[in-house]
Amino acid sequence: MRRTRGLLDAKHTLYACGLAIGSQAVVNNFVPLLLITFEGEFGLSLSDIAVLVGFNFFVQLVTDFIAAFVVDRVGYRPAIVFGQVCAALGLLGLAVLPAVMTPFAGLMVAVAVYAVGGGLCEVLVSPIVEHSPTEKKAAAMSLMHSFYCWGHVFVVLASAAFFLAFGIGHWRVLAVIWALLPLADAWYFTRVPITQPPAQQGMRGAVHTLRQPAFWFLFVLMVCSGAAEQSVSQWASAFAESGLKVPKAVGDLAGPAFFATMMGLSRVLHARYAERFSLPRVMVISGLMCLTGYLMLVLSPTPVLALLGVGLVGFSVGVFWPGTLSLAAVRLPLGGTVMYGILALAGDVGCSVGPSMVGFVSDLAGGSLNWGFALAALFPLVLVGLIVYSLTRARRPRPLQGGTA
């Protein structure tokens, strides 16, 4: 095993992390494609489906929190391998457990298992990349996170092609096929080099980090990043269907796939040109673009222009999540795994709160998503305001020691 690892370099570590992010895209986006199928095949109510979707995010939140304080002791390699195995077992469970248990209970167990894998991926991939002996960390972080976008697009397109060719009734076969990706990546992670800081040093640094105002500034940025992204991503299909009056299959392509493609393109471009520009300024410009996209969704007089707003939001939010993690690595270099774990938890809070708020407000407004998007526009606005305030404060001259302000 050592000899095999010696043949691999840090680039393979990045490839393995990219595949892990792609696996996370599978576990987060495959089941939503089957919700109507589950409703008909298993007799689930809409309340059951809502619980099923929310349970995935809840388990990931819990996993984020626990892993942040445990992973340093267990080790990066065993934890990420275990996470990928959980993702594979959860996808296999989708195909098997509803037949050996009550359908709803079987689906809940399967979701819980792969959600543990998704949570571990969120906590571990960023520090693994950050501690890898590679140059251009911000570019590597952005490129690695772009794999989630391409994974999302690939899941939608490949699943649609499979169902068109073999029928939706064979969804269990596709679940088994998707399980092969995290299973293969688990083996890959046993072969790549992984650098981990000493656990004791990491914990001391984490305690110091959690006391810093800069950490909580980054925490709020992560909440806003997740909320600004998922507020549109989760409702893009419904928005496309209701606004353009197209079938669901077309809505999935015109909504979520378009959004994910633009977000992936943004992350690839940022990875290519990250070293040329100031990251905080790029995030401010992206935040203003995101706000413009939200306004297009709310105020656009034509459906096509509103759809372009979906793409603009997707493109602009691409830098938010990896950009915040890169800022954390620079400003709080001793944060360690605990910092990344809690920031991942913050991002998941935003991913849960944002789309829930859009749905709740839209329901109060008689089913109009425009009102929900109007309130969600506060997230990019707060993000821009915080970064501008940070930049302004950094330029402010400090008084001499012993003088007066």
Protein backbone atom coordinates (compact mmCIF):
# COMPACT_ATOMS: atom_id res chain seq x y z
CA MET A 1 0.00 0.00 0.00
CA ARG A 2 2.82 2.39 0.78
CA ARG A 3 4.41 1.71 -2.57
CA THR A 4 1.11 2.42 -4.34
CA ARG A 5 0.63 5.64 -2.42
CA GLY A 6 4.15 6.67 -3.34
CA LEU A 7 3.18 6.59 -7.02
CA LEU A 8 0.46 9.19 -6.44
CA ASP A 9 0.97 12.89 -5.82
CA ALA A 10 -1.09 15.73 -4.40
CA LYS A 11 -3.00 16.10 -7.66
CA HIS A 12 -4.61 12.74 -7.00
CA THR A 13 -5.69 14.02 -3.59
CA LEU A 14 -7.51 16.87 -5.32
CA TYR A 15 -9.07 14.41 -7.79
CA ALA A 16 -10.29 12.22 -4.92
CA CYS A 17 -11.74 15.28 -3.17
CA GLY A 18 -13.47 16.31 -6.40
CA LEU A 19 -15.04 12.87 -6.71
CA ALA A 20 -16.16 13.12 -3.08
CA ILE A 21 -17.90 16.41 -3.86
CA GLY A 22 -19.46 14.72 -6.91
CA SER A 23 -20.70 11.90 -4.67
CA GLN A 24 -22.26 14.49 -2.39
CA ALA A 25 -24.07 15.92 -5.41
CA VAL A 26 -25.49 12.46 -6.06
CA VAL A 27 -26.80 11.89 -2.55
CA ASN A 28 -28.29 15.41 -2.36
CA ASN A 29 -29.92 15.52 -5.78
CA PHE A 30 -30.86 11.94 -6.77
CA VAL A 31 -33.74 11.41 -4.33
CA PRO A 32 -35.44 14.76 -5.15
CA LEU A 33 -35.81 13.45 -8.71
CA LEU A 34 -37.84 10.51 -7.32
CA LEU A 35 -40.18 12.23 -4.87
CA ILE A 36 -43.25 11.97 -7.11
CA THR A 37 -42.33 8.33 -7.82
CA PHE A 38 -42.11 7.61 -4.10
CA GLU A 39 -45.49 9.28 -3.59
CA GLY A 40 -47.14 6.96 -6.11
CA GLU A 41 -45.22 3.74 -5.48
CA PHE A 42 -45.12 3.81 -1.68
CA GLY A 43 -48.23 5.87 -0.96
CA LEU A 44 -46.30 8.62 0.81
CA SER A 45 -48.08 11.83 1.70
CA LEU A 46 -46.68 15.27 0.96
CA SER A 47 -45.88 15.58 4.67
CA ASP A 48 -43.87 12.34 4.50
CA ILE A 49 -41.94 13.68 1.52
CA ALA A 50 -41.24 16.98 3.30
CA VAL A 51 -39.89 15.06 6.31
CA LEU A 52 -37.74 12.90 4.02
CA VAL A 53 -36.14 15.93 2.37
CA GLY A 54 -35.62 17.85 5.62
CA PHE A 55 -34.19 14.80 7.40
CA ASN A 56 -31.24 14.69 4.99
CA PHE A 57 -30.18 18.24 5.90
CA PHE A 58 -30.82 17.64 9.61
CA VAL A 59 -28.56 14.57 9.73
CA GLN A 60 -25.86 16.44 7.81
CA LEU A 61 -26.05 19.30 10.32
CA VAL A 62 -25.65 16.91 13.25
CA THR A 63 -22.79 15.13 11.47
CA ASP A 64 -21.06 18.45 10.77
CA PHE A 65 -21.14 19.36 14.45
CA ILE A 66 -19.98 16.00 15.82
CA ALA A 67 -17.30 15.50 13.17
CA ALA A 68 -15.81 18.94 13.84
CA PHE A 69 -14.69 17.75 17.28
CA VAL A 70 -13.96 14.08 16.53
CA VAL A 71 -12.22 13.94 13.16
CA ASP A 72 -8.83 15.17 14.44
CA ARG A 73 -8.66 12.19 16.79
CA VAL A 74 -9.87 9.63 14.26
CA GLY A 75 -7.75 10.93 11.38
CA TYR A 76 -8.64 12.44 8.01
CA ARG A 77 -8.11 9.27 5.99
CA PRO A 78 -10.26 6.84 8.05
CA ALA A 79 -13.00 9.46 8.39
CA ILE A 80 -13.26 10.35 4.69
CA VAL A 81 -13.14 6.65 3.68
CA PHE A 82 -15.91 5.92 6.20
CA GLY A 83 -17.94 8.83 4.84
CA GLN A 84 -17.73 7.59 1.27
CA VAL A 85 -18.68 4.07 2.36
CA CYS A 86 -21.71 5.53 4.16
CA ALA A 87 -22.73 7.39 1.00
CA ALA A 88 -22.51 4.15 -1.00
CA LEU A 89 -24.42 2.12 1.61
CA GLY A 90 -27.14 4.76 1.80
CA LEU A 91 -27.69 4.70 -1.96
CA LEU A 92 -27.76 0.89 -1.90
CA GLY A 93 -30.23 1.13 0.97
CA LEU A 94 -32.62 3.11 -1.22
CA ALA A 95 -32.90 0.09 -3.47
CA VAL A 96 -33.16 -2.55 -0.71
CA LEU A 97 -34.55 -1.20 2.58
CA PRO A 98 -38.06 -0.13 1.46
CA ALA A 99 -38.67 -3.78 0.53
CA VAL A 100 -37.51 -5.28 3.85
CA MET A 101 -39.00 -2.57 6.13
CA THR A 102 -42.00 -0.31 5.85
CA PRO A 103 -41.25 1.90 2.80
CA PHE A 104 -41.09 5.17 4.72
CA ALA A 105 -38.87 3.75 7.47
CA GLY A 106 -36.58 2.13 4.89
CA LEU A 107 -36.18 5.41 3.01
CA MET A 108 -35.49 7.29 6.25
CA VAL A 109 -32.74 4.84 7.25
CA ALA A 110 -31.15 5.03 3.80
CA VAL A 111 -31.26 8.84 3.84
CA ALA A 112 -29.73 8.92 7.33
CA VAL A 113 -26.83 6.70 6.27
CA TYR A 114 -25.90 8.64 3.15
CA ALA A 115 -26.45 11.97 4.93
CA VAL A 116 -23.67 10.96 7.37
CA GLY A 117 -21.44 10.52 4.32
CA GLY A 118 -22.47 13.92 2.97
CA GLY A 119 -21.77 15.62 6.29
CA LEU A 120 -18.32 14.06 6.62
CA CYS A 121 -17.52 15.13 3.07
CA GLU A 122 -18.39 18.75 3.88
CA VAL A 123 -16.22 18.78 7.00
CA LEU A 124 -13.20 16.98 5.55
CA VAL A 125 -12.72 17.92 1.92
CA SER A 126 -11.86 21.58 2.54
CA PRO A 127 -9.11 20.98 5.15
CA ILE A 128 -7.70 18.10 3.09
CA VAL A 129 -7.35 20.44 0.12
CA GLU A 130 -6.06 23.29 2.28
CA HIS A 131 -3.29 21.14 3.81
CA SER A 132 -2.27 19.47 0.55
CA PRO A 133 1.15 20.62 -0.73
CA THR A 134 -0.28 22.45 -3.73
CA GLU A 135 0.01 26.04 -4.89
CA LYS A 136 -2.85 28.49 -5.54
CA LYS A 137 -5.04 27.34 -2.66
CA ALA A 138 -7.98 29.60 -3.48
CA ALA A 139 -8.02 28.36 -7.06
CA ALA A 140 -7.82 24.73 -5.94
CA MET A 141 -10.66 25.27 -3.44
CA SER A 142 -12.91 26.87 -6.05
CA LEU A 143 -12.16 24.24 -8.69
CA MET A 144 -12.77 21.43 -6.24
CA HIS A 145 -16.15 22.86 -5.21
CA SER A 146 -17.12 23.20 -8.88
CA PHE A 147 -17.36 19.40 -8.94
CA TYR A 148 -20.59 19.71 -6.94
CA CYS A 149 -22.12 21.81 -9.72
CA TRP A 150 -21.02 19.46 -12.49
CA GLY A 151 -22.13 16.51 -10.38
CA HIS A 152 -25.56 18.09 -9.97
CA VAL A 153 -25.89 18.63 -13.70
CA PHE A 154 -24.65 15.12 -14.47
CA VAL A 155 -27.08 13.54 -12.00
CA VAL A 156 -30.03 15.32 -13.62
CA LEU A 157 -28.98 14.55 -17.20
CA ALA A 158 -27.82 10.97 -16.63
CA SER A 159 -30.87 10.08 -14.54
CA ALA A 160 -33.22 11.60 -17.12
CA ALA A 161 -31.49 9.62 -19.88
CA PHE A 162 -31.68 6.40 -17.83
CA PHE A 163 -35.38 6.85 -17.09
CA LEU A 164 -36.09 7.67 -20.73
CA ALA A 165 -34.28 4.53 -21.88
CA PHE A 166 -35.38 2.03 -19.23
CA GLY A 167 -38.34 3.60 -17.46
CA ILE A 168 -38.77 5.21 -14.05
CA GLY A 169 -39.73 1.81 -12.62
CA HIS A 170 -36.07 0.75 -12.70
CA TRP A 171 -34.92 3.52 -10.39
CA ARG A 172 -33.50 0.94 -7.95
CA VAL A 173 -31.00 -0.19 -10.58
CA LEU A 174 -29.86 3.40 -11.03
CA ALA A 175 -29.48 3.81 -7.26
CA VAL A 176 -27.09 0.83 -7.24
CA ILE A 177 -25.16 2.28 -10.18
CA TRP A 178 -24.78 5.65 -8.43
CA ALA A 179 -23.52 3.84 -5.30
CA LEU A 180 -20.45 2.71 -7.27
CA LEU A 181 -19.09 6.29 -7.38
CA PRO A 182 -18.55 6.84 -3.63
CA LEU A 183 -17.50 3.21 -3.23
CA ALA A 184 -14.74 3.66 -5.82
CA ASP A 185 -13.73 6.97 -4.24
CA ALA A 186 -13.44 5.30 -0.82
CA TRP A 187 -10.81 2.99 -2.32
CA TYR A 188 -9.14 5.97 -4.04
CA PHE A 189 -8.76 7.77 -0.70
CA THR A 190 -6.78 4.83 0.66
CA ARG A 191 -4.17 5.45 -2.05
CA VAL A 192 -3.71 9.24 -2.13
CA PRO A 193 -1.43 11.30 0.15
CA ILE A 194 -3.28 13.15 2.90
CA THR A 195 -1.59 15.73 5.14
CA GLN A 196 -3.12 16.30 8.57
CA PRO A 197 -1.93 18.79 11.23
CA PRO A 198 -1.29 17.44 14.74
CA ALA A 199 -4.62 17.01 16.56
CA GLN A 200 -3.50 18.69 19.77
CA GLN A 201 -2.20 21.71 17.89
CA GLY A 202 -5.40 21.82 15.87
CA MET A 203 -7.60 21.84 19.00
CA ARG A 204 -5.60 24.63 20.65
CA GLY A 205 -5.85 26.64 17.46
CA ALA A 206 -9.56 25.94 17.21
CA VAL A 207 -10.30 27.19 20.73
CA HIS A 208 -8.36 30.36 19.94
CA THR A 209 -10.17 30.69 16.61
CA LEU A 210 -13.68 30.41 18.07
CA ARG A 211 -12.91 33.39 20.30
CA GLN A 212 -12.06 35.62 17.36
CA PRO A 213 -14.63 38.11 15.99
CA ALA A 214 -13.32 37.28 12.51
CA PHE A 215 -14.61 33.72 12.87
CA TRP A 216 -18.17 34.84 13.55
CA PHE A 217 -17.91 37.27 10.65
CA LEU A 218 -17.05 34.27 8.45
CA PHE A 219 -19.82 32.22 10.10
CA VAL A 220 -22.45 34.77 9.01
CA LEU A 221 -20.91 34.87 5.52
CA MET A 222 -21.34 31.10 5.26
CA VAL A 223 -24.98 31.28 6.35
CA CYS A 224 -25.64 33.95 3.72
CA SER A 225 -23.71 31.97 1.09
CA GLY A 226 -25.74 28.81 1.61
CA ALA A 227 -29.04 30.68 1.80
CA ALA A 228 -28.39 32.84 -1.29
CA GLU A 229 -27.50 29.70 -3.28
CA GLN A 230 -30.21 27.28 -2.20
CA SER A 231 -33.06 29.81 -2.07
CA VAL A 232 -33.02 29.77 -5.87
CA SER A 233 -31.53 26.32 -6.52
CA GLN A 234 -34.23 24.42 -4.62
CA TRP A 235 -37.06 26.37 -6.25
CA ALA A 236 -35.58 26.74 -9.75
CA SER A 237 -37.55 23.84 -11.24
CA ALA A 238 -40.87 25.00 -9.80
CA PHE A 239 -40.12 28.56 -10.89
CA ALA A 240 -39.33 27.44 -14.44
CA GLU A 241 -42.46 25.27 -14.63
CA SER A 242 -44.79 27.96 -13.29
CA GLY A 243 -43.18 30.86 -15.16
CA LEU A 244 -42.53 29.22 -18.54
CA LYS A 245 -45.45 26.75 -18.38
CA VAL A 246 -43.24 23.80 -19.38
CA PRO A 247 -43.35 20.10 -18.35
CA LYS A 248 -41.30 19.02 -15.34
CA ALA A 249 -38.56 17.38 -17.46
CA VAL A 250 -38.01 20.65 -19.31
CA GLY A 251 -38.31 22.60 -16.06
CA ASP A 252 -35.52 20.54 -14.51
CA LEU A 253 -33.24 21.43 -17.41
CA ALA A 254 -34.29 25.08 -17.65
CA GLY A 255 -34.13 25.55 -13.87
CA PRO A 256 -31.77 23.46 -11.68
CA ALA A 257 -29.50 22.27 -14.50
CA PHE A 258 -29.11 25.82 -15.87
CA PHE A 259 -28.46 27.16 -12.37
CA ALA A 260 -25.86 24.47 -11.58
CA THR A 261 -24.12 24.90 -14.95
CA MET A 262 -23.70 28.63 -14.43
CA MET A 263 -22.47 28.10 -10.87
CA GLY A 264 -19.94 25.52 -12.06
CA LEU A 265 -18.74 27.85 -14.82
CA SER A 266 -18.23 30.61 -12.25
CA ARG A 267 -16.09 28.35 -10.06
CA VAL A 268 -13.97 27.17 -12.95
CA LEU A 269 -13.32 30.76 -14.06
CA HIS A 270 -12.49 31.77 -10.51
CA ALA A 271 -10.07 28.86 -10.23
CA ARG A 272 -8.40 29.98 -13.44
CA TYR A 273 -8.06 33.67 -12.57
CA ALA A 274 -8.25 33.73 -8.74
CA GLU A 275 -4.64 34.85 -8.27
CA ARG A 276 -5.16 37.98 -10.38
CA PHE A 277 -7.87 39.58 -8.27
CA SER A 278 -8.61 40.40 -4.64
CA LEU A 279 -10.97 37.73 -3.30
CA PRO A 280 -13.01 40.09 -1.05
CA ARG A 281 -13.57 42.46 -3.98
CA VAL A 282 -14.57 39.57 -6.24
CA MET A 283 -17.09 38.50 -3.60
CA VAL A 284 -18.50 42.04 -3.39
CA ILE A 285 -18.94 42.20 -7.17
CA SER A 286 -20.49 38.73 -7.16
CA GLY A 287 -22.83 39.78 -4.34
CA LEU A 288 -24.03 42.78 -6.34
CA MET A 289 -24.57 40.52 -9.37
CA CYS A 290 -26.50 38.10 -7.15
CA LEU A 291 -28.70 40.92 -5.88
CA THR A 292 -29.34 41.98 -9.49
CA GLY A 293 -30.31 38.40 -10.36
CA TYR A 294 -32.79 38.28 -7.48
CA LEU A 295 -34.31 41.57 -8.62
CA MET A 296 -34.68 40.10 -12.12
CA LEU A 297 -36.58 37.16 -10.61
CA VAL A 298 -38.89 39.46 -8.69
CA LEU A 299 -39.45 42.35 -11.12
CA SER A 300 -38.89 40.87 -14.60
CA PRO A 301 -41.82 41.54 -16.98
CA THR A 302 -41.06 38.45 -19.09
CA PRO A 303 -40.48 34.79 -18.10
CA VAL A 304 -37.36 34.50 -20.27
CA LEU A 305 -35.70 37.46 -18.55
CA ALA A 306 -36.60 35.93 -15.18
CA LEU A 307 -34.97 32.69 -16.28
CA LEU A 308 -31.83 34.64 -17.12
CA GLY A 309 -32.01 35.89 -13.55
CA VAL A 310 -31.83 32.26 -12.38
CA GLY A 311 -28.62 31.86 -14.39
CA LEU A 312 -27.18 35.13 -13.08
CA VAL A 313 -27.80 34.09 -9.48
CA GLY A 314 -26.19 30.72 -10.21
CA PHE A 315 -23.12 32.37 -11.73
CA SER A 316 -22.74 34.92 -8.94
CA VAL A 317 -23.11 32.56 -5.96
CA GLY A 318 -20.42 30.24 -7.32
CA VAL A 319 -17.62 32.05 -5.49
CA PHE A 320 -19.45 32.55 -2.17
CA TRP A 321 -18.95 29.17 -0.46
CA PRO A 322 -15.36 28.33 -1.57
CA GLY A 323 -14.41 32.00 -1.31
CA THR A 324 -15.48 32.18 2.34
CA LEU A 325 -13.51 29.02 3.12
CA SER A 326 -10.44 30.52 1.43
CA LEU A 327 -10.82 33.71 3.48
CA ALA A 328 -11.02 31.57 6.62
CA ALA A 329 -7.80 29.75 5.71
CA VAL A 330 -5.96 33.05 5.28
CA ARG A 331 -7.38 34.99 8.22
CA LEU A 332 -7.56 32.12 10.71
CA PRO A 333 -4.78 29.67 9.73
CA LEU A 334 -4.89 27.84 13.09
CA GLY A 335 -8.59 27.07 12.92
CA GLY A 336 -8.12 23.44 11.92
CA THR A 337 -10.85 20.89 11.40
CA VAL A 338 -13.14 22.40 14.04
CA MET A 339 -13.28 25.68 12.13
CA TYR A 340 -14.09 23.98 8.83
CA GLY A 341 -16.67 21.78 10.51
CA ILE A 342 -18.54 24.66 12.13
CA LEU A 343 -18.35 26.74 8.95
CA ALA A 344 -19.83 23.77 7.06
CA LEU A 345 -22.59 23.67 9.66
CA ALA A 346 -23.20 27.39 9.10
CA GLY A 347 -23.46 26.81 5.37
CA ASP A 348 -25.95 23.99 5.91
CA VAL A 349 -28.02 26.24 8.18
CA GLY A 350 -28.24 28.71 5.31
CA CYS A 351 -29.07 25.92 2.85
CA SER A 352 -31.98 24.91 5.07
CA VAL A 353 -33.23 28.34 6.17
CA GLY A 354 -33.10 30.03 2.75
CA PRO A 355 -35.38 27.74 0.72
CA SER A 356 -37.68 27.17 3.71
CA MET A 357 -38.15 30.90 4.06
CA VAL A 358 -38.88 31.25 0.35
CA GLY A 359 -41.52 28.53 0.54
CA PHE A 360 -43.13 29.90 3.70
CA VAL A 361 -43.32 33.51 2.47
CA SER A 362 -44.52 32.44 -0.99
CA ASP A 363 -47.27 30.34 0.61
CA LEU A 364 -48.42 33.35 2.64
CA ALA A 365 -48.42 35.38 -0.57
CA GLY A 366 -50.82 32.99 -2.29
CA GLY A 367 -48.22 30.79 -3.95
CA SER A 368 -46.22 33.57 -5.63
CA LEU A 369 -42.50 32.76 -5.52
CA ASN A 370 -41.69 36.38 -6.31
CA TRP A 371 -42.38 37.45 -2.73
CA GLY A 372 -40.20 34.66 -1.37
CA PHE A 373 -37.32 35.63 -3.66
CA ALA A 374 -37.75 39.29 -2.68
CA LEU A 375 -37.13 38.47 0.98
CA ALA A 376 -34.28 36.06 0.14
CA ALA A 377 -32.50 38.94 -1.63
CA LEU A 378 -31.53 40.06 1.88
CA PHE A 379 -28.90 37.30 2.01
CA PRO A 380 -26.62 38.64 -0.77
CA LEU A 381 -27.29 42.15 0.51
CA VAL A 382 -26.06 41.26 4.00
CA LEU A 383 -23.05 39.44 2.52
CA VAL A 384 -22.02 42.50 0.48
CA GLY A 385 -22.55 44.81 3.44
CA LEU A 386 -20.37 42.71 5.74
CA ILE A 387 -17.48 42.46 3.27
CA VAL A 388 -17.61 46.18 2.41
CA TYR A 389 -17.58 46.99 6.12
CA SER A 390 -14.60 44.67 6.61
CA LEU A 391 -12.68 46.28 3.73
CA THR A 392 -13.48 49.78 5.00
CA ARG A 393 -12.36 48.93 8.52
CA ALA A 394 -9.11 47.42 7.20
CA ARG A 395 -8.25 50.73 5.49
CA ARG A 396 -9.08 52.80 8.57
CA PRO A 397 -5.86 54.15 10.17
CA ARG A 398 -5.34 52.98 13.74
CA PRO A 399 -4.49 55.55 16.44
CA LEU A 400 -0.97 55.54 17.84
CA GLN A 401 -0.58 53.73 21.13
CA GLY A 402 -1.09 56.20 23.96
CA GLY A 403 -2.76 58.78 21.72
CA THR A 404 -6.38 59.73 21.28
CA ALA A 405 -8.68 58.49 18.56
